[in-house]
Amino acid sequence: MDEFSDTISWLKNRKEIAQGDLKELNSGKRYFINGNDITATMRQRTEMDVSKLDDLIAAFESYRYNDAQA
Protein backbone atom coordinates (compact mmCIF):
# COMPACT_ATOMS: atom_id res chain seq x y z
CA MET A 1 0.00 0.00 0.00
CA ASP A 2 1.17 3.48 -0.70
CA GLU A 3 0.94 6.41 1.67
CA PHE A 4 -2.33 7.65 0.14
CA SER A 5 -3.95 4.23 0.48
CA ASP A 6 -2.88 4.02 4.12
CA THR A 7 -4.25 7.49 4.82
CA ILE A 8 -7.53 6.82 3.01
CA SER A 9 -7.90 3.53 4.87
CA TRP A 10 -7.33 5.28 8.22
CA LEU A 11 -9.84 8.02 7.33
CA LYS A 12 -12.48 5.44 6.32
CA ASN A 13 -11.88 3.53 9.55
CA ARG A 14 -12.26 6.71 11.60
CA LYS A 15 -15.45 7.55 9.70
CA GLU A 16 -16.90 4.12 10.56
CA ILE A 17 -16.10 4.75 14.23
CA ALA A 18 -17.74 8.18 14.09
CA GLN A 19 -20.82 6.72 12.39
CA GLY A 20 -21.05 4.13 15.17
CA ASP A 21 -20.79 6.91 17.74
CA LEU A 22 -23.52 8.84 15.92
CA LYS A 23 -25.77 5.78 15.88
CA GLU A 24 -25.31 5.44 19.63
CA LEU A 25 -26.00 9.14 20.16
CA ASN A 26 -29.22 8.87 18.15
CA SER A 27 -30.37 5.81 20.09
CA GLY A 28 -31.68 7.90 22.96
CA LYS A 29 -28.75 7.44 25.32
CA ARG A 30 -27.91 10.67 27.16
CA TYR A 31 -24.46 11.95 28.14
CA PHE A 32 -23.80 14.25 31.10
CA ILE A 33 -20.83 16.18 32.43
CA ASN A 34 -21.25 17.73 35.86
CA GLY A 35 -25.00 17.32 35.56
CA ASN A 36 -25.18 19.07 32.18
CA ASP A 37 -26.66 17.16 29.25
CA ILE A 38 -24.05 17.29 26.47
CA THR A 39 -25.76 14.81 24.13
CA ALA A 40 -26.84 17.41 21.54
CA THR A 41 -23.36 18.94 21.44
CA MET A 42 -21.73 15.53 21.03
CA ARG A 43 -24.18 14.65 18.25
CA GLN A 44 -23.48 17.92 16.45
CA ARG A 45 -19.70 17.48 16.68
CA THR A 46 -19.88 13.88 15.54
CA GLU A 47 -22.03 14.85 12.53
CA MET A 48 -19.42 17.49 11.66
CA ASP A 49 -16.65 14.91 12.01
CA VAL A 50 -18.39 12.53 9.60
CA SER A 51 -18.88 15.34 7.11
CA LYS A 52 -15.25 16.46 7.34
CA LEU A 53 -14.02 12.89 7.01
CA ASP A 54 -16.17 12.47 3.87
CA ASP A 55 -14.55 15.61 2.43
CA LEU A 56 -11.04 14.44 3.29
CA ILE A 57 -11.63 10.98 1.83
CA ALA A 58 -12.95 12.49 -1.40
CA ALA A 59 -9.99 14.87 -1.62
CA PHE A 60 -7.39 12.15 -1.06
CA GLU A 61 -9.09 9.78 -3.50
CA SER A 62 -9.36 12.54 -6.11
CA TYR A 63 -5.71 13.50 -5.68
CA ARG A 64 -4.59 9.86 -5.92
CA TYR A 65 -6.71 9.35 -9.04
CA ASN A 66 -5.48 12.57 -10.68
CA ASP A 67 -1.89 11.76 -9.76
CA ALA A 68 -2.22 8.33 -11.37
CA GLN A 69 -3.56 9.92 -14.55
CA ALA A 70 -0.57 12.29 -14.89
C-alpha atoms as a PDB file:
ATOM      1  CA  MET A   1       0.000   0.000   0.000  1.00  0.00           C
ATOM      2  CA  ASP A   2       1.172   3.482  -0.704  1.00  0.00           C
ATOM      3  CA  GLU A   3       0.939   6.413   1.671  1.00  0.00           C
ATOM      4  CA  PHE A   4      -2.333   7.646   0.145  1.00  0.00           C
ATOM      5  CA  SER A   5      -3.946   4.233   0.479  1.00  0.00           C
ATOM      6  CA  ASP A   6      -2.877   4.023   4.119  1.00  0.00           C
ATOM      7  CA  THR A   7      -4.252   7.490   4.821  1.00  0.00           C
ATOM      8  CA  ILE A   8      -7.526   6.817   3.011  1.00  0.00           C
ATOM      9  CA  SER A   9      -7.902   3.526   4.870  1.00  0.00           C
ATOM     10  CA  TRP A  10      -7.334   5.280   8.219  1.00  0.00           C
ATOM     11  CA  LEU A  11      -9.839   8.016   7.326  1.00  0.00           C
ATOM     12  CA  LYS A  12     -12.475   5.442   6.317  1.00  0.00           C
ATOM     13  CA  ASN A  13     -11.883   3.527   9.550  1.00  0.00           C
ATOM     14  CA  ARG A  14     -12.255   6.713  11.599  1.00  0.00           C
ATOM     15  CA  LYS A  15     -15.450   7.546   9.697  1.00  0.00           C
ATOM     16  CA  GLU A  16     -16.897   4.117  10.562  1.00  0.00           C
ATOM     17  CA  ILE A  17     -16.101   4.746  14.229  1.00  0.00           C
ATOM     18  CA  ALA A  18     -17.745   8.184  14.092  1.00  0.00           C
ATOM     19  CA  GLN A  19     -20.821   6.722  12.388  1.00  0.00           C
ATOM     20  CA  GLY A  20     -21.046   4.127  15.166  1.00  0.00           C
ATOM     21  CA  ASP A  21     -20.794   6.910  17.741  1.00  0.00           C
ATOM     22  CA  LEU A  22     -23.516   8.837  15.919  1.00  0.00           C
ATOM     23  CA  LYS A  23     -25.772   5.776  15.878  1.00  0.00           C
ATOM     24  CA  GLU A  24     -25.310   5.438  19.633  1.00  0.00           C
ATOM     25  CA  LEU A  25     -26.005   9.143  20.160  1.00  0.00           C
ATOM     26  CA  ASN A  26     -29.215   8.871  18.148  1.00  0.00           C
ATOM     27  CA  SER A  27     -30.375   5.809  20.093  1.00  0.00           C
ATOM     28  CA  GLY A  28     -31.677   7.896  22.957  1.00  0.00           C
ATOM     29  CA  LYS A  29     -28.750   7.436  25.320  1.00  0.00           C
ATOM     30  CA  ARG A  30     -27.908  10.674  27.157  1.00  0.00           C
ATOM     31  CA  TYR A  31     -24.461  11.953  28.136  1.00  0.00           C
ATOM     32  CA  PHE A  32     -23.802  14.247  31.096  1.00  0.00           C
ATOM     33  CA  ILE A  33     -20.828  16.178  32.431  1.00  0.00           C
ATOM     34  CA  ASN A  34     -21.250  17.732  35.865  1.00  0.00           C
ATOM     35  CA  GLY A  35     -25.004  17.322  35.560  1.00  0.00           C
ATOM     36  CA  ASN A  36     -25.182  19.070  32.175  1.00  0.00           C
ATOM     37  CA  ASP A  37     -26.660  17.162  29.245  1.00  0.00           C
ATOM     38  CA  ILE A  38     -24.047  17.290  26.467  1.00  0.00           C
ATOM     39  CA  THR A  39     -25.765  14.810  24.126  1.00  0.00           C
ATOM     40  CA  ALA A  40     -26.843  17.407  21.543  1.00  0.00           C
ATOM     41  CA  THR A  41     -23.362  18.944  21.445  1.00  0.00           C
ATOM     42  CA  MET A  42     -21.732  15.533  21.034  1.00  0.00           C
ATOM     43  CA  ARG A  43     -24.183  14.646  18.252  1.00  0.00           C
ATOM     44  CA  GLN A  44     -23.476  17.918  16.446  1.00  0.00           C
ATOM     45  CA  ARG A  45     -19.704  17.483  16.680  1.00  0.00           C
ATOM     46  CA  THR A  46     -19.883  13.884  15.536  1.00  0.00           C
ATOM     47  CA  GLU A  47     -22.027  14.849  12.529  1.00  0.00           C
ATOM     48  CA  MET A  48     -19.423  17.492  11.655  1.00  0.00           C
ATOM     49  CA  ASP A  49     -16.648  14.905  12.012  1.00  0.00           C
ATOM     50  CA  VAL A  50     -18.392  12.525   9.599  1.00  0.00           C
ATOM     51  CA  SER A  51     -18.882  15.344   7.105  1.00  0.00           C
ATOM     52  CA  LYS A  52     -15.253  16.463   7.344  1.00  0.00           C
ATOM     53  CA  LEU A  53     -14.023  12.891   7.005  1.00  0.00           C
ATOM     54  CA  ASP A  54     -16.165  12.475   3.867  1.00  0.00           C
ATOM     55  CA  ASP A  55     -14.551  15.614   2.429  1.00  0.00           C
ATOM     56  CA  LEU A  56     -11.040  14.437   3.286  1.00  0.00           C
ATOM     57  CA  ILE A  57     -11.630  10.980   1.830  1.00  0.00           C
ATOM     58  CA  ALA A  58     -12.953  12.488  -1.398  1.00  0.00           C
ATOM     59  CA  ALA A  59      -9.990  14.872  -1.623  1.00  0.00           C
ATOM     60  CA  PHE A  60      -7.394  12.151  -1.063  1.00  0.00           C
ATOM     61  CA  GLU A  61      -9.091   9.781  -3.498  1.00  0.00           C
ATOM     62  CA  SER A  62      -9.356  12.541  -6.108  1.00  0.00           C
ATOM     63  CA  TYR A  63      -5.710  13.500  -5.685  1.00  0.00           C
ATOM     64  CA  ARG A  64      -4.587   9.859  -5.917  1.00  0.00           C
ATOM     65  CA  TYR A  65      -6.713   9.347  -9.037  1.00  0.00           C
ATOM     66  CA  ASN A  66      -5.484  12.567 -10.684  1.00  0.00           C
ATOM     67  CA  ASP A  67      -1.887  11.762  -9.758  1.00  0.00           C
ATOM     68  CA  ALA A  68      -2.217   8.327 -11.373  1.00  0.00           C
ATOM     69  CA  GLN A  69      -3.560   9.915 -14.553  1.00  0.00           C
ATOM     70  CA  ALA A  70      -0.574  12.292 -14.888  1.00  0.00           C
END
